[in-house]
């Protein structure tokens, strides 16, 4: 992967982080949104009712559905 491709991926992840609260408000149900790369949680927007306790910078657990 070259530097330009990595930059584009970073821009996309940053755009997702910026727009996640908007998407969360658009869904008619209470939902949480987490933005990750392949190793870490980059951002977490928890639902009002269910707290999953993901924190920015937290490693994605090996046995999680995110890794599968």
PDB file of N, CA and C in Angstrom:
ATOM      1  N   UNK A   1       0.842  -1.165   0.000  1.00  0.00           N
ATOM      2  CA  UNK A   1       0.000   0.000   0.000  1.00  0.00           C
ATOM      3  C   UNK A   1       0.893   1.236   0.000  1.00  0.00           C
ATOM      4  N   UNK A   2       0.582   2.194  -0.842  1.00  0.00           N
ATOM      5  CA  UNK A   2       1.426   3.378  -0.908  1.00  0.00           C
ATOM      6  C   UNK A   2       0.898   4.498  -0.018  1.00  0.00           C
ATOM      7  N   UNK A   3       1.705   5.544   0.100  1.00  0.00           N
ATOM      8  CA  UNK A   3       1.366   6.665   0.980  1.00  0.00           C
ATOM      9  C   UNK A   3       0.061   7.328   0.580  1.00  0.00           C
ATOM     10  N   UNK A   4      -0.169   7.486  -0.722  1.00  0.00           N
ATOM     11  CA  UNK A   4      -1.388   8.149  -1.185  1.00  0.00           C
ATOM     12  C   UNK A   4      -2.624   7.353  -0.778  1.00  0.00           C
ATOM     13  N   UNK A   5      -2.586   6.042  -0.932  1.00  0.00           N
ATOM     14  CA  UNK A   5      -3.714   5.198  -0.544  1.00  0.00           C
ATOM     15  C   UNK A   5      -3.969   5.303   0.958  1.00  0.00           C
ATOM     16  N   UNK A   6      -2.909   5.301   1.746  1.00  0.00           N
ATOM     17  CA  UNK A   6      -3.060   5.437   3.199  1.00  0.00           C
ATOM     18  C   UNK A   6      -3.693   6.776   3.552  1.00  0.00           C
ATOM     19  N   UNK A   7      -3.309   7.830   2.854  1.00  0.00           N
ATOM     20  CA  UNK A   7      -3.888   9.150   3.099  1.00  0.00           C
ATOM     21  C   UNK A   7      -5.368   9.188   2.789  1.00  0.00           C
ATOM     22  N   UNK A   8      -5.762   8.527   1.703  1.00  0.00           N
ATOM     23  CA  UNK A   8      -7.178   8.473   1.328  1.00  0.00           C
ATOM     24  C   UNK A   8      -7.969   7.714   2.391  1.00  0.00           C
ATOM     25  N   UNK A   9      -7.431   6.593   2.857  1.00  0.00           N
ATOM     26  CA  UNK A   9      -8.116   5.819   3.898  1.00  0.00           C
ATOM     27  C   UNK A   9      -8.273   6.636   5.171  1.00  0.00           C
ATOM     28  N   UNK A  10      -7.238   7.395   5.525  1.00  0.00           N
ATOM     29  CA  UNK A  10      -7.316   8.244   6.718  1.00  0.00           C
ATOM     30  C   UNK A  10      -8.393   9.306   6.537  1.00  0.00           C
ATOM     31  N   UNK A  11      -8.460   9.903   5.348  1.00  0.00           N
ATOM     32  CA  UNK A  11      -9.493  10.910   5.072  1.00  0.00           C
ATOM     33  C   UNK A  11     -10.895  10.313   5.191  1.00  0.00           C
ATOM     34  N   UNK A  12     -11.066   9.100   4.702  1.00  0.00           N
ATOM     35  CA  UNK A  12     -12.375   8.441   4.775  1.00  0.00           C
ATOM     36  C   UNK A  12     -12.746   8.167   6.229  1.00  0.00           C
ATOM     37  N   UNK A  13     -11.802   7.655   7.009  1.00  0.00           N
ATOM     38  CA  UNK A  13     -12.077   7.389   8.426  1.00  0.00           C
ATOM     39  C   UNK A  13     -12.416   8.682   9.169  1.00  0.00           C
ATOM     40  N   UNK A  14     -11.696   9.745   8.877  1.00  0.00           N
ATOM     41  CA  UNK A  14     -11.992  11.031   9.522  1.00  0.00           C
ATOM     42  C   UNK A  14     -13.374  11.538   9.127  1.00  0.00           C
ATOM     43  N   UNK A  15     -13.759  11.349   7.860  1.00  0.00           N
ATOM     44  CA  UNK A  15     -15.095  11.759   7.412  1.00  0.00           C
ATOM     45  C   UNK A  15     -16.174  10.940   8.117  1.00  0.00           C
ATOM     46  N   UNK A  16     -15.932   9.649   8.304  1.00  0.00           N
ATOM     47  CA  UNK A  16     -16.894   8.809   9.026  1.00  0.00           C
ATOM     48  C   UNK A  16     -17.042   9.256  10.477  1.00  0.00           C
ATOM     49  N   UNK A  17     -15.929   9.591  11.104  1.00  0.00           N
ATOM     50  CA  UNK A  17     -15.980  10.068  12.489  1.00  0.00           C
ATOM     51  C   UNK A  17     -16.766  11.375  12.564  1.00  0.00           C
ATOM     52  N   UNK A  18     -16.537  12.256  11.609  1.00  0.00           N
ATOM     53  CA  UNK A  18     -17.239  13.549  11.600  1.00  0.00           C
ATOM     54  C   UNK A  18     -18.741  13.400  11.370  1.00  0.00           C
ATOM     55  N   UNK A  19     -19.138  12.419  10.560  1.00  0.00           N
ATOM     56  CA  UNK A  19     -20.550  12.289  10.188  1.00  0.00           C
ATOM     57  C   UNK A  19     -21.320  11.250  11.007  1.00  0.00           C
ATOM     58  N   UNK A  20     -20.646  10.460  11.814  1.00  0.00           N
ATOM     59  CA  UNK A  20     -21.325   9.420  12.599  1.00  0.00           C
ATOM     60  C   UNK A  20     -22.469   9.965  13.453  1.00  0.00           C
ATOM     61  N   UNK A  21     -22.304  11.102  14.134  1.00  0.00           N
ATOM     62  CA  UNK A  21     -23.438  11.616  14.921  1.00  0.00           C
ATOM     63  C   UNK A  21     -24.656  11.949  14.059  1.00  0.00           C
ATOM     64  N   UNK A  22     -24.432  12.366  12.835  1.00  0.00           N
ATOM     65  CA  UNK A  22     -25.550  12.656  11.922  1.00  0.00           C
ATOM     66  C   UNK A  22     -26.276  11.367  11.574  1.00  0.00           C
ATOM     67  N   UNK A  23     -25.515  10.323  11.219  1.00  0.00           N
ATOM     68  CA  UNK A  23     -26.133   9.032  10.903  1.00  0.00           C
ATOM     69  C   UNK A  23     -26.883   8.483  12.113  1.00  0.00           C
ATOM     70  N   UNK A  24     -26.323   8.664  13.282  1.00  0.00           N
ATOM     71  CA  UNK A  24     -26.968   8.181  14.503  1.00  0.00           C
ATOM     72  C   UNK A  24     -28.327   8.855  14.698  1.00  0.00           C
ATOM     73  N   UNK A  25     -28.412  10.130  14.401  1.00  0.00           N
ATOM     74  CA  UNK A  25     -29.683  10.854  14.531  1.00  0.00           C
ATOM     75  C   UNK A  25     -30.678  10.470  13.437  1.00  0.00           C
ATOM     76  N   UNK A  26     -30.177  10.041  12.271  1.00  0.00           N
ATOM     77  CA  UNK A  26     -31.055   9.665  11.162  1.00  0.00           C
ATOM     78  C   UNK A  26     -31.759   8.333  11.393  1.00  0.00           C
ATOM     79  N   UNK A  27     -31.134   7.426  12.152  1.00  0.00           N
ATOM     80  CA  UNK A  27     -31.756   6.135  12.413  1.00  0.00           C
ATOM     81  C   UNK A  27     -32.930   6.313  13.369  1.00  0.00           C
ATOM     82  N   UNK A  28     -34.051   5.669  13.083  1.00  0.00           N
ATOM     83  CA  UNK A  28     -35.222   5.842  13.940  1.00  0.00           C
ATOM     84  C   UNK A  28     -35.094   5.131  15.292  1.00  0.00           C
ATOM     85  N   UNK A  29     -34.143   4.230  15.419  1.00  0.00           N
ATOM     86  CA  UNK A  29     -33.946   3.491  16.670  1.00  0.00           C
ATOM     87  C   UNK A  29     -32.682   3.970  17.368  1.00  0.00           C
ATOM     88  N   UNK A  30     -32.630   3.753  18.658  1.00  0.00           N
ATOM     89  CA  UNK A  30     -31.433   4.068  19.424  1.00  0.00           C
ATOM     90  C   UNK A  30     -30.320   3.125  18.974  1.00  0.00           C
ATOM     91  N   UNK A  31     -29.211   3.658  18.519  1.00  0.00           N
ATOM     92  CA  UNK A  31     -28.123   2.805  18.037  1.00  0.00           C
ATOM     93  C   UNK A  31     -26.782   3.398  18.438  1.00  0.00           C
ATOM     94  N   UNK A  32     -25.785   2.536  18.458  1.00  0.00           N
ATOM     95  CA  UNK A  32     -24.427   3.008  18.701  1.00  0.00           C
ATOM     96  C   UNK A  32     -23.629   2.827  17.420  1.00  0.00           C
ATOM     97  N   UNK A  33     -22.630   3.661  17.249  1.00  0.00           N
ATOM     98  CA  UNK A  33     -21.756   3.583  16.080  1.00  0.00           C
ATOM     99  C   UNK A  33     -20.323   3.639  16.586  1.00  0.00           C
ATOM    100  N   UNK A  34     -19.527   2.672  16.162  1.00  0.00           N
ATOM    101  CA  UNK A  34     -18.100   2.676  16.473  1.00  0.00           C
ATOM    102  C   UNK A  34     -17.333   2.705  15.162  1.00  0.00           C
ATOM    103  N   UNK A  35     -16.306   3.514  15.121  1.00  0.00           N
ATOM    104  CA  UNK A  35     -15.437   3.599  13.951  1.00  0.00           C
ATOM    105  C   UNK A  35     -14.113   2.966  14.355  1.00  0.00           C
ATOM    106  N   UNK A  36     -13.648   2.001  13.547  1.00  0.00           N
ATOM    107  CA  UNK A  36     -12.399   1.305  13.850  1.00  0.00           C
ATOM    108  C   UNK A  36     -11.519   1.239  12.609  1.00  0.00           C
ATOM    109  N   UNK A  37     -10.240   1.008  12.845  1.00  0.00           N
ATOM    110  CA  UNK A  37      -9.398   0.511  11.776  1.00  0.00           C
ATOM    111  C   UNK A  37      -9.290  -0.987  12.054  1.00  0.00           C
ATOM    112  N   UNK A  38      -8.283  -1.639  11.617  1.00  0.00           N
ATOM    113  CA  UNK A  38      -8.212  -3.090  11.836  1.00  0.00           C
ATOM    114  C   UNK A  38      -7.663  -3.465  13.208  1.00  0.00           C
ATOM    115  N   UNK A  39      -7.216  -2.464  13.968  1.00  0.00           N
ATOM    116  CA  UNK A  39      -6.607  -2.758  15.260  1.00  0.00           C
ATOM    117  C   UNK A  39      -7.252  -2.039  16.442  1.00  0.00           C
ATOM    118  N   UNK A  40      -7.699  -0.795  16.235  1.00  0.00           N
ATOM    119  CA  UNK A  40      -8.135   0.063  17.341  1.00  0.00           C
ATOM    120  C   UNK A  40      -9.508   0.673  17.090  1.00  0.00           C
ATOM    121  N   UNK A  41     -10.167   1.025  18.182  1.00  0.00           N
ATOM    122  CA  UNK A  41     -11.368   1.851  18.094  1.00  0.00           C
ATOM    123  C   UNK A  41     -10.906   3.292  17.920  1.00  0.00           C
ATOM    124  N   UNK A  42     -11.353   3.925  16.860  1.00  0.00           N
ATOM    125  CA  UNK A  42     -10.973   5.306  16.584  1.00  0.00           C
ATOM    126  C   UNK A  42     -11.964   6.287  17.185  1.00  0.00           C
ATOM    127  N   UNK A  43     -13.229   5.877  17.266  1.00  0.00           N
ATOM    128  CA  UNK A  43     -14.277   6.721  17.853  1.00  0.00           C
ATOM    129  C   UNK A  43     -15.451   5.835  18.239  1.00  0.00           C
ATOM    130  N   UNK A  44     -16.186   6.269  19.238  1.00  0.00           N
ATOM    131  CA  UNK A  44     -17.374   5.534  19.667  1.00  0.00           C
ATOM    132  C   UNK A  44     -18.479   6.526  19.987  1.00  0.00           C
ATOM    133  N   UNK A  45     -19.637   6.272  19.436  1.00  0.00           N
ATOM    134  CA  UNK A  45     -20.821   7.092  19.668  1.00  0.00           C
ATOM    135  C   UNK A  45     -21.875   6.164  20.274  1.00  0.00           C
ATOM    136  N   UNK A  46     -21.921   6.076  21.603  1.00  0.00           N
ATOM    137  CA  UNK A  46     -22.793   5.096  22.261  1.00  0.00           C
ATOM    138  C   UNK A  46     -24.270   5.428  22.117  1.00  0.00           C
ATOM    139  N   UNK A  47     -25.078   4.387  22.231  1.00  0.00           N
ATOM    140  CA  UNK A  47     -26.528   4.585  22.246  1.00  0.00           C
ATOM    141  C   UNK A  47     -26.915   5.152  23.606  1.00  0.00           C
ATOM    142  N   UNK A  48     -28.135   5.595  23.701  1.00  0.00           N
ATOM    143  CA  UNK A  48     -28.605   6.165  24.966  1.00  0.00           C
ATOM    144  C   UNK A  48     -28.845   5.084  26.012  1.00  0.00           C
ATOM    145  N   UNK A  49     -29.246   3.893  25.560  1.00  0.00           N
ATOM    146  CA  UNK A  49     -29.641   2.844  26.500  1.00  0.00           C
ATOM    147  C   UNK A  49     -28.575   1.786  26.740  1.00  0.00           C
ATOM    148  N   UNK A  50     -27.839   1.403  25.715  1.00  0.00           N
ATOM    149  CA  UNK A  50     -26.861   0.320  25.840  1.00  0.00           C
ATOM    150  C   UNK A  50     -25.451   0.905  25.773  1.00  0.00           C
ATOM    151  N   UNK A  51     -24.677   0.675  26.812  1.00  0.00           N
ATOM    152  CA  UNK A  51     -23.296   1.153  26.858  1.00  0.00           C
ATOM    153  C   UNK A  51     -22.363  -0.034  26.644  1.00  0.00           C
ATOM    154  N   UNK A  52     -21.574   0.021  25.583  1.00  0.00           N
ATOM    155  CA  UNK A  52     -20.660  -1.071  25.271  1.00  0.00           C
ATOM    156  C   UNK A  52     -19.254  -0.818  25.805  1.00  0.00           C
ATOM    157  N   UNK A  53     -19.003   0.367  26.304  1.00  0.00           N
ATOM    158  CA  UNK A  53     -17.730   0.727  26.935  1.00  0.00           C
ATOM    159  C   UNK A  53     -16.520   0.617  26.022  1.00  0.00           C
ATOM    160  N   UNK A  54     -16.688   0.931  24.754  1.00  0.00           N
ATOM    161  CA  UNK A  54     -15.547   1.051  23.860  1.00  0.00           C
ATOM    162  C   UNK A  54     -14.971   2.443  24.034  1.00  0.00           C
ATOM    163  N   UNK A  55     -13.673   2.538  24.067  1.00  0.00           N
ATOM    164  CA  UNK A  55     -12.997   3.821  24.232  1.00  0.00           C
ATOM    165  C   UNK A  55     -12.057   4.054  23.054  1.00  0.00           C
ATOM    166  N   UNK A  56     -11.913   5.302  22.679  1.00  0.00           N
ATOM    167  CA  UNK A  56     -10.980   5.667  21.620  1.00  0.00           C
ATOM    168  C   UNK A  56      -9.584   5.172  21.982  1.00  0.00           C
ATOM    169  N   UNK A  57      -8.922   4.501  21.043  1.00  0.00           N
ATOM    170  CA  UNK A  57      -7.587   3.968  21.268  1.00  0.00           C
ATOM    171  C   UNK A  57      -7.567   2.555  21.817  1.00  0.00           C
ATOM    172  N   UNK A  58      -8.717   2.036  22.233  1.00  0.00           N
ATOM    173  CA  UNK A  58      -8.805   0.679  22.785  1.00  0.00           C
ATOM    174  C   UNK A  58      -8.559  -0.350  21.677  1.00  0.00           C
ATOM    175  N   UNK A  59      -7.782  -1.377  22.005  1.00  0.00           N
ATOM    176  CA  UNK A  59      -7.556  -2.463  21.048  1.00  0.00           C
ATOM    177  C   UNK A  59      -8.850  -3.223  20.803  1.00  0.00           C
ATOM    178  N   UNK A  60      -9.063  -3.652  19.576  1.00  0.00           N
ATOM    179  CA  UNK A  60     -10.212  -4.488  19.257  1.00  0.00           C
ATOM    180  C   UNK A  60      -9.905  -5.891  19.788  1.00  0.00           C
ATOM    181  N   UNK A  61     -10.761  -6.457  20.624  1.00  0.00           N
ATOM    182  CA  UNK A  61     -10.503  -7.801  21.149  1.00  0.00           C
ATOM    183  C   UNK A  61     -10.410  -8.838  20.024  1.00  0.00           C
ATOM    184  N   UNK A  62      -9.492  -9.776  20.173  1.00  0.00           N
ATOM    185  CA  UNK A  62      -9.276 -10.809  19.151  1.00  0.00           C
ATOM    186  C   UNK A  62     -10.528 -11.641  18.900  1.00  0.00           C
ATOM    187  N   UNK A  63     -11.339 -11.872  19.917  1.00  0.00           N
ATOM    188  CA  UNK A  63     -12.516 -12.735  19.774  1.00  0.00           C
ATOM    189  C   UNK A  63     -13.783 -11.955  19.418  1.00  0.00           C
ATOM    190  N   UNK A  64     -13.641 -10.695  19.042  1.00  0.00           N
ATOM    191  CA  UNK A  64     -14.830  -9.892  18.729  1.00  0.00           C
ATOM    192  C   UNK A  64     -15.298 -10.133  17.296  1.00  0.00           C
ATOM    193  N   UNK A  65     -16.529  -9.787  17.038  1.00  0.00           N
ATOM    194  CA  UNK A  65     -17.077  -9.890  15.689  1.00  0.00           C
ATOM    195  C   UNK A  65     -16.395  -8.953  14.709  1.00  0.00           C
ATOM    196  N   UNK A  66     -15.774  -7.910  15.208  1.00  0.00           N
ATOM    197  CA  UNK A  66     -15.078  -6.952  14.346  1.00  0.00           C
ATOM    198  C   UNK A  66     -13.881  -7.614  13.680  1.00  0.00           C
ATOM    199  N   UNK A  67     -13.212  -8.504  14.362  1.00  0.00           N
ATOM    200  CA  UNK A  67     -12.017  -9.174  13.838  1.00  0.00           C
ATOM    201  C   UNK A  67     -12.341 -10.334  12.910  1.00  0.00           C
ATOM    202  N   UNK A  68     -13.595 -10.778  12.880  1.00  0.00           N
ATOM    203  CA  UNK A  68     -13.943 -11.951  12.076  1.00  0.00           C
ATOM    204  C   UNK A  68     -14.368 -11.562  10.694  1.00  0.00           C
TER     205      UNK A  68
END
